[in-house]
Amino acid sequence: MAVQKTASGKVDKRTKEYKEMVERAKKAREAHKKAATKPTIKKKTTAPARRADGRLDQRTKAGKEAAERMAKARKAKGSFVNKLKRLFK
């Protein structure tokens, strides 16, 4: 059954149909909120070791991982596909 409207054209909030519609919407919002998963955030346990001059110590595990990421980024930056992307930006 259609939701009844008042003379001014607004939805009549006193009707049974409107109250059922609001209840369904409330349940749907709750179900959607429950189904949504929150992203997990990695916690940094310790800061990576630094040398006396402030640079990252690449002898440590964190330093080696960072160096690997930087090398991968440098390699991707110089790739043919990325050169074309920068050319036609």
PDB file of N, CA and C in Angstrom:
ATOM      1  N   MET A   1       0.843  -1.184   0.000  1.00  0.00           N
ATOM      2  CA  MET A   1       0.000   0.000   0.000  1.00  0.00           C
ATOM      3  C   MET A   1       0.883   1.241   0.000  1.00  0.00           C
ATOM      4  N   ALA A   2       0.489   2.244  -0.725  1.00  0.00           N
ATOM      5  CA  ALA A   2       1.268   3.476  -0.852  1.00  0.00           C
ATOM      6  C   ALA A   2       1.192   4.291   0.430  1.00  0.00           C
ATOM      7  N   VAL A   3       2.209   5.025   0.674  1.00  0.00           N
ATOM      8  CA  VAL A   3       2.255   5.886   1.852  1.00  0.00           C
ATOM      9  C   VAL A   3       1.376   7.099   1.571  1.00  0.00           C
ATOM     10  N   GLN A   4       0.508   7.410   2.527  1.00  0.00           N
ATOM     11  CA  GLN A   4      -0.400   8.534   2.351  1.00  0.00           C
ATOM     12  C   GLN A   4       0.331   9.851   2.557  1.00  0.00           C
ATOM     13  N   LYS A   5      -0.162  10.870   1.855  1.00  0.00           N
ATOM     14  CA  LYS A   5       0.447  12.187   1.951  1.00  0.00           C
ATOM     15  C   LYS A   5      -0.569  13.178   2.485  1.00  0.00           C
ATOM     16  N   THR A   6      -0.057  14.227   3.100  1.00  0.00           N
ATOM     17  CA  THR A   6      -0.926  15.281   3.638  1.00  0.00           C
ATOM     18  C   THR A   6      -1.338  16.200   2.502  1.00  0.00           C
ATOM     19  N   ALA A   7      -2.164  17.182   2.828  1.00  0.00           N
ATOM     20  CA  ALA A   7      -2.649  18.112   1.812  1.00  0.00           C
ATOM     21  C   ALA A   7      -1.508  18.923   1.215  1.00  0.00           C
ATOM     22  N   SER A   8      -0.460  19.172   2.017  1.00  0.00           N
ATOM     23  CA  SER A   8       0.672  19.959   1.509  1.00  0.00           C
ATOM     24  C   SER A   8       1.631  19.117   0.666  1.00  0.00           C
ATOM     25  N   GLY A   9       1.402  17.789   0.607  1.00  0.00           N
ATOM     26  CA  GLY A   9       2.229  16.931  -0.221  1.00  0.00           C
ATOM     27  C   GLY A   9       3.313  16.191   0.540  1.00  0.00           C
ATOM     28  N   LYS A  10       3.409  16.418   1.851  1.00  0.00           N
ATOM     29  CA  LYS A  10       4.411  15.717   2.650  1.00  0.00           C
ATOM     30  C   LYS A  10       3.871  14.359   3.081  1.00  0.00           C
ATOM     31  N   VAL A  11       4.771  13.458   3.458  1.00  0.00           N
ATOM     32  CA  VAL A  11       4.363  12.134   3.904  1.00  0.00           C
ATOM     33  C   VAL A  11       3.682  12.243   5.264  1.00  0.00           C
ATOM     34  N   ASP A  12       2.553  11.561   5.395  1.00  0.00           N
ATOM     35  CA  ASP A  12       1.813  11.576   6.653  1.00  0.00           C
ATOM     36  C   ASP A  12       2.490  10.618   7.629  1.00  0.00           C
ATOM     37  N   LYS A  13       3.084  11.175   8.664  1.00  0.00           N
ATOM     38  CA  LYS A  13       3.870  10.380   9.610  1.00  0.00           C
ATOM     39  C   LYS A  13       3.003   9.615  10.610  1.00  0.00           C
ATOM     40  N   ARG A  14       1.734   9.854  10.606  1.00  0.00           N
ATOM     41  CA  ARG A  14       0.847   9.180  11.568  1.00  0.00           C
ATOM     42  C   ARG A  14       0.370   7.830  11.070  1.00  0.00           C
ATOM     43  N   THR A  15       0.581   7.530   9.800  1.00  0.00           N
ATOM     44  CA  THR A  15       0.036   6.296   9.241  1.00  0.00           C
ATOM     45  C   THR A  15       0.873   5.082   9.611  1.00  0.00           C
ATOM     46  N   LYS A  16       0.232   3.926   9.562  1.00  0.00           N
ATOM     47  CA  LYS A  16       0.866   2.649   9.877  1.00  0.00           C
ATOM     48  C   LYS A  16       1.947   2.316   8.844  1.00  0.00           C
ATOM     49  N   GLU A  17       1.660   2.614   7.585  1.00  0.00           N
ATOM     50  CA  GLU A  17       2.612   2.320   6.518  1.00  0.00           C
ATOM     51  C   GLU A  17       3.915   3.096   6.693  1.00  0.00           C
ATOM     52  N   TYR A  18       3.806   4.380   7.088  1.00  0.00           N
ATOM     53  CA  TYR A  18       4.996   5.197   7.285  1.00  0.00           C
ATOM     54  C   TYR A  18       5.827   4.646   8.435  1.00  0.00           C
ATOM     55  N   LYS A  19       5.163   4.273   9.517  1.00  0.00           N
ATOM     56  CA  LYS A  19       5.888   3.756  10.677  1.00  0.00           C
ATOM     57  C   LYS A  19       6.590   2.443  10.344  1.00  0.00           C
ATOM     58  N   GLU A  20       5.952   1.584   9.534  1.00  0.00           N
ATOM     59  CA  GLU A  20       6.591   0.341   9.098  1.00  0.00           C
ATOM     60  C   GLU A  20       7.795   0.626   8.202  1.00  0.00           C
ATOM     61  N   MET A  21       7.635   1.614   7.326  1.00  0.00           N
ATOM     62  CA  MET A  21       8.723   1.975   6.429  1.00  0.00           C
ATOM     63  C   MET A  21       9.934   2.486   7.226  1.00  0.00           C
ATOM     64  N   VAL A  22       9.701   3.299   8.226  1.00  0.00           N
ATOM     65  CA  VAL A  22      10.777   3.824   9.062  1.00  0.00           C
ATOM     66  C   VAL A  22      11.460   2.685   9.817  1.00  0.00           C
ATOM     67  N   GLU A  23      10.674   1.747  10.318  1.00  0.00           N
ATOM     68  CA  GLU A  23      11.229   0.605  11.050  1.00  0.00           C
ATOM     69  C   GLU A  23      12.107  -0.260  10.139  1.00  0.00           C
ATOM     70  N   ARG A  24      11.638  -0.503   8.896  1.00  0.00           N
ATOM     71  CA  ARG A  24      12.449  -1.276   7.943  1.00  0.00           C
ATOM     72  C   ARG A  24      13.761  -0.566   7.620  1.00  0.00           C
ATOM     73  N   ALA A  25      13.690   0.746   7.443  1.00  0.00           N
ATOM     74  CA  ALA A  25      14.886   1.523   7.136  1.00  0.00           C
ATOM     75  C   ALA A  25      15.868   1.470   8.303  1.00  0.00           C
ATOM     76  N   LYS A  26      15.343   1.523   9.516  1.00  0.00           N
ATOM     77  CA  LYS A  26      16.197   1.465  10.709  1.00  0.00           C
ATOM     78  C   LYS A  26      16.913   0.115  10.787  1.00  0.00           C
ATOM     79  N   LYS A  27      16.177  -0.978  10.525  1.00  0.00           N
ATOM     80  CA  LYS A  27      16.768  -2.314  10.547  1.00  0.00           C
ATOM     81  C   LYS A  27      17.811  -2.464   9.453  1.00  0.00           C
ATOM     82  N   ALA A  28      17.543  -1.892   8.291  1.00  0.00           N
ATOM     83  CA  ALA A  28      18.493  -1.974   7.185  1.00  0.00           C
ATOM     84  C   ALA A  28      19.777  -1.225   7.513  1.00  0.00           C
ATOM     85  N   ARG A  29      19.662  -0.043   8.139  1.00  0.00           N
ATOM     86  CA  ARG A  29      20.845   0.713   8.541  1.00  0.00           C
ATOM     87  C   ARG A  29      21.676  -0.062   9.552  1.00  0.00           C
ATOM     88  N   GLU A  30      21.010  -0.687  10.520  1.00  0.00           N
ATOM     89  CA  GLU A  30      21.713  -1.473  11.532  1.00  0.00           C
ATOM     90  C   GLU A  30      22.414  -2.670  10.912  1.00  0.00           C
ATOM     91  N   ALA A  31      21.741  -3.350   9.970  1.00  0.00           N
ATOM     92  CA  ALA A  31      22.347  -4.505   9.300  1.00  0.00           C
ATOM     93  C   ALA A  31      23.546  -4.080   8.464  1.00  0.00           C
ATOM     94  N   HIS A  32      23.426  -2.948   7.788  1.00  0.00           N
ATOM     95  CA  HIS A  32      24.533  -2.454   6.975  1.00  0.00           C
ATOM     96  C   HIS A  32      25.723  -2.073   7.854  1.00  0.00           C
ATOM     97  N   LYS A  33      25.440  -1.445   8.973  1.00  0.00           N
ATOM     98  CA  LYS A  33      26.503  -1.041   9.892  1.00  0.00           C
ATOM     99  C   LYS A  33      27.205  -2.266  10.465  1.00  0.00           C
ATOM    100  N   LYS A  34      26.440  -3.299  10.763  1.00  0.00           N
ATOM    101  CA  LYS A  34      27.001  -4.524  11.321  1.00  0.00           C
ATOM    102  C   LYS A  34      27.831  -5.260  10.280  1.00  0.00           C
ATOM    103  N   ALA A  35      27.386  -5.245   9.030  1.00  0.00           N
ATOM    104  CA  ALA A  35      28.085  -5.956   7.963  1.00  0.00           C
ATOM    105  C   ALA A  35      29.372  -5.255   7.551  1.00  0.00           C
ATOM    106  N   ALA A  36      29.418  -3.948   7.727  1.00  0.00           N
ATOM    107  CA  ALA A  36      30.607  -3.200   7.324  1.00  0.00           C
ATOM    108  C   ALA A  36      31.765  -3.572   8.239  1.00  0.00           C
ATOM    109  N   THR A  37      32.886  -3.896   7.635  1.00  0.00           N
ATOM    110  CA  THR A  37      34.052  -4.253   8.433  1.00  0.00           C
ATOM    111  C   THR A  37      34.970  -3.059   8.546  1.00  0.00           C
ATOM    112  N   LYS A  38      35.541  -2.906   9.697  1.00  0.00           N
ATOM    113  CA  LYS A  38      36.465  -1.806   9.913  1.00  0.00           C
ATOM    114  C   LYS A  38      37.853  -2.231   9.441  1.00  0.00           C
ATOM    115  N   PRO A  39      38.567  -1.334   8.777  1.00  0.00           N
ATOM    116  CA  PRO A  39      39.900  -1.701   8.315  1.00  0.00           C
ATOM    117  C   PRO A  39      40.854  -1.852   9.493  1.00  0.00           C
ATOM    118  N   THR A  40      41.737  -2.817   9.376  1.00  0.00           N
ATOM    119  CA  THR A  40      42.716  -3.010  10.435  1.00  0.00           C
ATOM    120  C   THR A  40      43.922  -2.138  10.162  1.00  0.00           C
ATOM    121  N   ILE A  41      44.421  -1.537  11.186  1.00  0.00           N
ATOM    122  CA  ILE A  41      45.561  -0.644  11.061  1.00  0.00           C
ATOM    123  C   ILE A  41      46.765  -1.323  11.697  1.00  0.00           C
ATOM    124  N   LYS A  42      47.832  -1.412  10.920  1.00  0.00           N
ATOM    125  CA  LYS A  42      49.036  -2.011  11.459  1.00  0.00           C
ATOM    126  C   LYS A  42      49.667  -1.047  12.459  1.00  0.00           C
ATOM    127  N   LYS A  43      50.065  -1.597  13.578  1.00  0.00           N
ATOM    128  CA  LYS A  43      50.722  -0.783  14.589  1.00  0.00           C
ATOM    129  C   LYS A  43      52.226  -0.910  14.427  1.00  0.00           C
ATOM    130  N   LYS A  44      52.892   0.213  14.496  1.00  0.00           N
ATOM    131  CA  LYS A  44      54.336   0.184  14.448  1.00  0.00           C
ATOM    132  C   LYS A  44      54.834  -0.117  15.858  1.00  0.00           C
ATOM    133  N   THR A  45      55.581  -1.180  15.975  1.00  0.00           N
ATOM    134  CA  THR A  45      56.055  -1.559  17.300  1.00  0.00           C
ATOM    135  C   THR A  45      57.211  -0.673  17.739  1.00  0.00           C
ATOM    136  N   THR A  46      58.189  -0.517  16.874  1.00  0.00           N
ATOM    137  CA  THR A  46      59.325   0.343  17.198  1.00  0.00           C
ATOM    138  C   THR A  46      59.698   1.144  15.972  1.00  0.00           C
ATOM    139  N   ALA A  47      60.354   2.255  16.209  1.00  0.00           N
ATOM    140  CA  ALA A  47      60.823   3.070  15.100  1.00  0.00           C
ATOM    141  C   ALA A  47      62.055   2.402  14.505  1.00  0.00           C
ATOM    142  N   PRO A  48      62.228   2.497  13.210  1.00  0.00           N
ATOM    143  CA  PRO A  48      63.412   1.881  12.598  1.00  0.00           C
ATOM    144  C   PRO A  48      64.686   2.558  13.106  1.00  0.00           C
ATOM    145  N   ALA A  49      65.743   1.776  13.186  1.00  0.00           N
ATOM    146  CA  ALA A  49      67.000   2.289  13.704  1.00  0.00           C
ATOM    147  C   ALA A  49      67.586   3.316  12.748  1.00  0.00           C
ATOM    148  N   ARG A  50      68.189   4.336  13.334  1.00  0.00           N
ATOM    149  CA  ARG A  50      68.814   5.405  12.552  1.00  0.00           C
ATOM    150  C   ARG A  50      70.300   5.475  12.887  1.00  0.00           C
ATOM    151  N   ARG A  51      71.076   5.911  11.911  1.00  0.00           N
ATOM    152  CA  ARG A  51      72.493   6.099  12.151  1.00  0.00           C
ATOM    153  C   ARG A  51      72.712   7.442  12.823  1.00  0.00           C
ATOM    154  N   ALA A  52      73.954   7.740  13.146  1.00  0.00           N
ATOM    155  CA  ALA A  52      74.272   8.997  13.826  1.00  0.00           C
ATOM    156  C   ALA A  52      73.936  10.206  12.959  1.00  0.00           C
ATOM    157  N   ASP A  53      74.046  10.058  11.633  1.00  0.00           N
ATOM    158  CA  ASP A  53      73.745  11.185  10.751  1.00  0.00           C
ATOM    159  C   ASP A  53      72.254  11.291  10.419  1.00  0.00           C
ATOM    160  N   GLY A  54      71.420  10.403  10.987  1.00  0.00           N
ATOM    161  CA  GLY A  54      69.976  10.501  10.811  1.00  0.00           C
ATOM    162  C   GLY A  54      69.420   9.636   9.698  1.00  0.00           C
ATOM    163  N   ARG A  55      70.291   8.994   8.917  1.00  0.00           N
ATOM    164  CA  ARG A  55      69.807   8.133   7.849  1.00  0.00           C
ATOM    165  C   ARG A  55      69.379   6.785   8.405  1.00  0.00           C
ATOM    166  N   LEU A  56      68.560   6.084   7.655  1.00  0.00           N
ATOM    167  CA  LEU A  56      68.046   4.787   8.065  1.00  0.00           C
ATOM    168  C   LEU A  56      69.163   3.738   8.022  1.00  0.00           C
ATOM    169  N   ASP A  57      69.307   2.975   9.082  1.00  0.00           N
ATOM    170  CA  ASP A  57      70.327   1.933   9.142  1.00  0.00           C
ATOM    171  C   ASP A  57      69.850   0.737   8.327  1.00  0.00           C
ATOM    172  N   GLN A  58      70.524   0.468   7.209  1.00  0.00           N
ATOM    173  CA  GLN A  58      70.069  -0.578   6.304  1.00  0.00           C
ATOM    174  C   GLN A  58      70.543  -1.965   6.701  1.00  0.00           C
ATOM    175  N   ARG A  59      71.224  -2.078   7.831  1.00  0.00           N
ATOM    176  CA  ARG A  59      71.640  -3.393   8.304  1.00  0.00           C
ATOM    177  C   ARG A  59      70.524  -4.073   9.098  1.00  0.00           C
ATOM    178  N   THR A  60      69.541  -3.301   9.546  1.00  0.00           N
ATOM    179  CA  THR A  60      68.444  -3.863  10.326  1.00  0.00           C
ATOM    180  C   THR A  60      67.361  -4.393   9.403  1.00  0.00           C
ATOM    181  N   LYS A  61      66.433  -5.173   9.976  1.00  0.00           N
ATOM    182  CA  LYS A  61      65.334  -5.747   9.185  1.00  0.00           C
ATOM    183  C   LYS A  61      64.459  -4.641   8.604  1.00  0.00           C
ATOM    184  N   ALA A  62      64.120  -3.644   9.432  1.00  0.00           N
ATOM    185  CA  ALA A  62      63.279  -2.543   8.967  1.00  0.00           C
ATOM    186  C   ALA A  62      63.986  -1.755   7.873  1.00  0.00           C
ATOM    187  N   GLY A  63      65.293  -1.583   8.010  1.00  0.00           N
ATOM    188  CA  GLY A  63      66.060  -0.858   6.999  1.00  0.00           C
ATOM    189  C   GLY A  63      66.104  -1.603   5.685  1.00  0.00           C
ATOM    190  N   LYS A  64      66.261  -2.923   5.766  1.00  0.00           N
ATOM    191  CA  LYS A  64      66.290  -3.731   4.550  1.00  0.00           C
ATOM    192  C   LYS A  64      64.937  -3.700   3.840  1.00  0.00           C
ATOM    193  N   GLU A  65      63.844  -3.754   4.630  1.00  0.00           N
ATOM    194  CA  GLU A  65      62.502  -3.692   4.027  1.00  0.00           C
ATOM    195  C   GLU A  65      62.276  -2.342   3.357  1.00  0.00           C
ATOM    196  N   ALA A  66      62.718  -1.269   4.030  1.00  0.00           N
ATOM    197  CA  ALA A  66      62.543   0.066   3.460  1.00  0.00           C
ATOM    198  C   ALA A  66      63.361   0.215   2.190  1.00  0.00           C
ATOM    199  N   ALA A  67      64.593  -0.302   2.198  1.00  0.00           N
ATOM    200  CA  ALA A  67      65.439  -0.221   1.008  1.00  0.00           C
ATOM    201  C   ALA A  67      64.817  -0.993  -0.149  1.00  0.00           C
ATOM    202  N   GLU A  68      64.210  -2.132   0.162  1.00  0.00           N
ATOM    203  CA  GLU A  68      63.547  -2.937  -0.866  1.00  0.00           C
ATOM    204  C   GLU A  68      62.368  -2.180  -1.468  1.00  0.00           C
ATOM    205  N   ARG A  69      61.567  -1.529  -0.611  1.00  0.00           N
ATOM    206  CA  ARG A  69      60.433  -0.735  -1.092  1.00  0.00           C
ATOM    207  C   ARG A  69      60.901   0.427  -1.964  1.00  0.00           C
ATOM    208  N   MET A  70      61.967   1.101  -1.531  1.00  0.00           N
ATOM    209  CA  MET A  70      62.484   2.236  -2.308  1.00  0.00           C
ATOM    210  C   MET A  70      63.010   1.782  -3.665  1.00  0.00           C
ATOM    211  N   ALA A  71      63.705   0.630  -3.699  1.00  0.00           N
ATOM    212  CA  ALA A  71      64.224   0.109  -4.959  1.00  0.00           C
ATOM    213  C   ALA A  71      63.080  -0.254  -5.895  1.00  0.00           C
ATOM    214  N   LYS A  72      62.025  -0.840  -5.338  1.00  0.00           N
ATOM    215  CA  LYS A  72      60.857  -1.199  -6.142  1.00  0.00           C
ATOM    216  C   LYS A  72      60.194   0.053  -6.715  1.00  0.00           C
ATOM    217  N   ALA A  73      60.115   1.116  -5.896  1.00  0.00           N
ATOM    218  CA  ALA A  73      59.508   2.369  -6.355  1.00  0.00           C
ATOM    219  C   ALA A  73      60.356   3.016  -7.440  1.00  0.00           C
ATOM    220  N   ARG A  74      61.681   2.979  -7.277  1.00  0.00           N
ATOM    221  CA  ARG A  74      62.562   3.542  -8.302  1.00  0.00           C
ATOM    222  C   ARG A  74      62.420   2.786  -9.620  1.00  0.00           C
ATOM    223  N   LYS A  75      62.324   1.466  -9.511  1.00  0.00           N
ATOM    224  CA  LYS A  75      62.175   0.646 -10.712  1.00  0.00           C
ATOM    225  C   LYS A  75      60.845   0.958 -11.404  1.00  0.00           C
ATOM    226  N   ALA A  76      59.766   1.096 -10.632  1.00  0.00           N
ATOM    227  CA  ALA A  76      58.450   1.385 -11.210  1.00  0.00           C
ATOM    228  C   ALA A  76      58.427   2.779 -11.827  1.00  0.00           C
ATOM    229  N   LYS A  77      59.145   3.722 -11.201  1.00  0.00           N
ATOM    230  CA  LYS A  77      59.165   5.086 -11.707  1.00  0.00           C
ATOM    231  C   LYS A  77      59.791   5.139 -13.092  1.00  0.00           C
ATOM    232  N   GLY A  78      60.791   4.302 -13.338  1.00  0.00           N
ATOM    233  CA  GLY A  78      61.471   4.314 -14.615  1.00  0.00           C
ATOM    234  C   GLY A  78      60.858   3.396 -15.655  1.00  0.00           C
ATOM    235  N   SER A  79      59.746   2.750 -15.349  1.00  0.00           N
ATOM    236  CA  SER A  79      59.163   1.805 -16.294  1.00  0.00           C
ATOM    237  C   SER A  79      58.560   2.522 -17.498  1.00  0.00           C
ATOM    238  N   PHE A  80      58.469   1.820 -18.574  1.00  0.00           N
ATOM    239  CA  PHE A  80      57.952   2.377 -19.820  1.00  0.00           C
ATOM    240  C   PHE A  80      56.511   2.850 -19.672  1.00  0.00           C
ATOM    241  N   VAL A  81      55.709   2.063 -18.975  1.00  0.00           N
ATOM    242  CA  VAL A  81      54.292   2.415 -18.802  1.00  0.00           C
ATOM    243  C   VAL A  81      54.173   3.718 -18.026  1.00  0.00           C
ATOM    244  N   ASN A  82      54.971   3.857 -16.965  1.00  0.00           N
ATOM    245  CA  ASN A  82      54.892   5.085 -16.174  1.00  0.00           C
ATOM    246  C   ASN A  82      55.435   6.288 -16.944  1.00  0.00           C
ATOM    247  N   LYS A  83      56.434   6.062 -17.790  1.00  0.00           N
ATOM    248  CA  LYS A  83      56.927   7.165 -18.624  1.00  0.00           C
ATOM    249  C   LYS A  83      55.828   7.646 -19.556  1.00  0.00           C
ATOM    250  N   LEU A  84      55.067   6.708 -20.125  1.00  0.00           N
ATOM    251  CA  LEU A  84      53.957   7.093 -20.992  1.00  0.00           C
ATOM    252  C   LEU A  84      52.876   7.837 -20.215  1.00  0.00           C
ATOM    253  N   LYS A  85      52.607   7.390 -18.976  1.00  0.00           N
ATOM    254  CA  LYS A  85      51.611   8.068 -18.155  1.00  0.00           C
ATOM    255  C   LYS A  85      52.020   9.508 -17.890  1.00  0.00           C
ATOM    256  N   ARG A  86      53.316   9.717 -17.576  1.00  0.00           N
ATOM    257  CA  ARG A  86      53.780  11.073 -17.306  1.00  0.00           C
ATOM    258  C   ARG A  86      53.760  11.909 -18.573  1.00  0.00           C
ATOM    259  N   LEU A  87      54.040  11.287 -19.701  1.00  0.00           N
ATOM    260  CA  LEU A  87      54.070  12.005 -20.972  1.00  0.00           C
ATOM    261  C   LEU A  87      52.693  12.521 -21.358  1.00  0.00           C
ATOM    262  N   PHE A  88      51.660  11.684 -21.137  1.00  0.00           N
ATOM    263  CA  PHE A  88      50.301  12.044 -21.542  1.00  0.00           C
ATOM    264  C   PHE A  88      49.441  12.482 -20.367  1.00  0.00           C
ATOM    265  N   LYS A  89      50.034  13.032 -19.364  1.00  0.00           N
ATOM    266  CA  LYS A  89      49.315  13.470 -18.164  1.00  0.00           C
ATOM    267  C   LYS A  89      48.421  14.634 -18.463  1.00  0.00           C
TER     268      LYS A  89
END
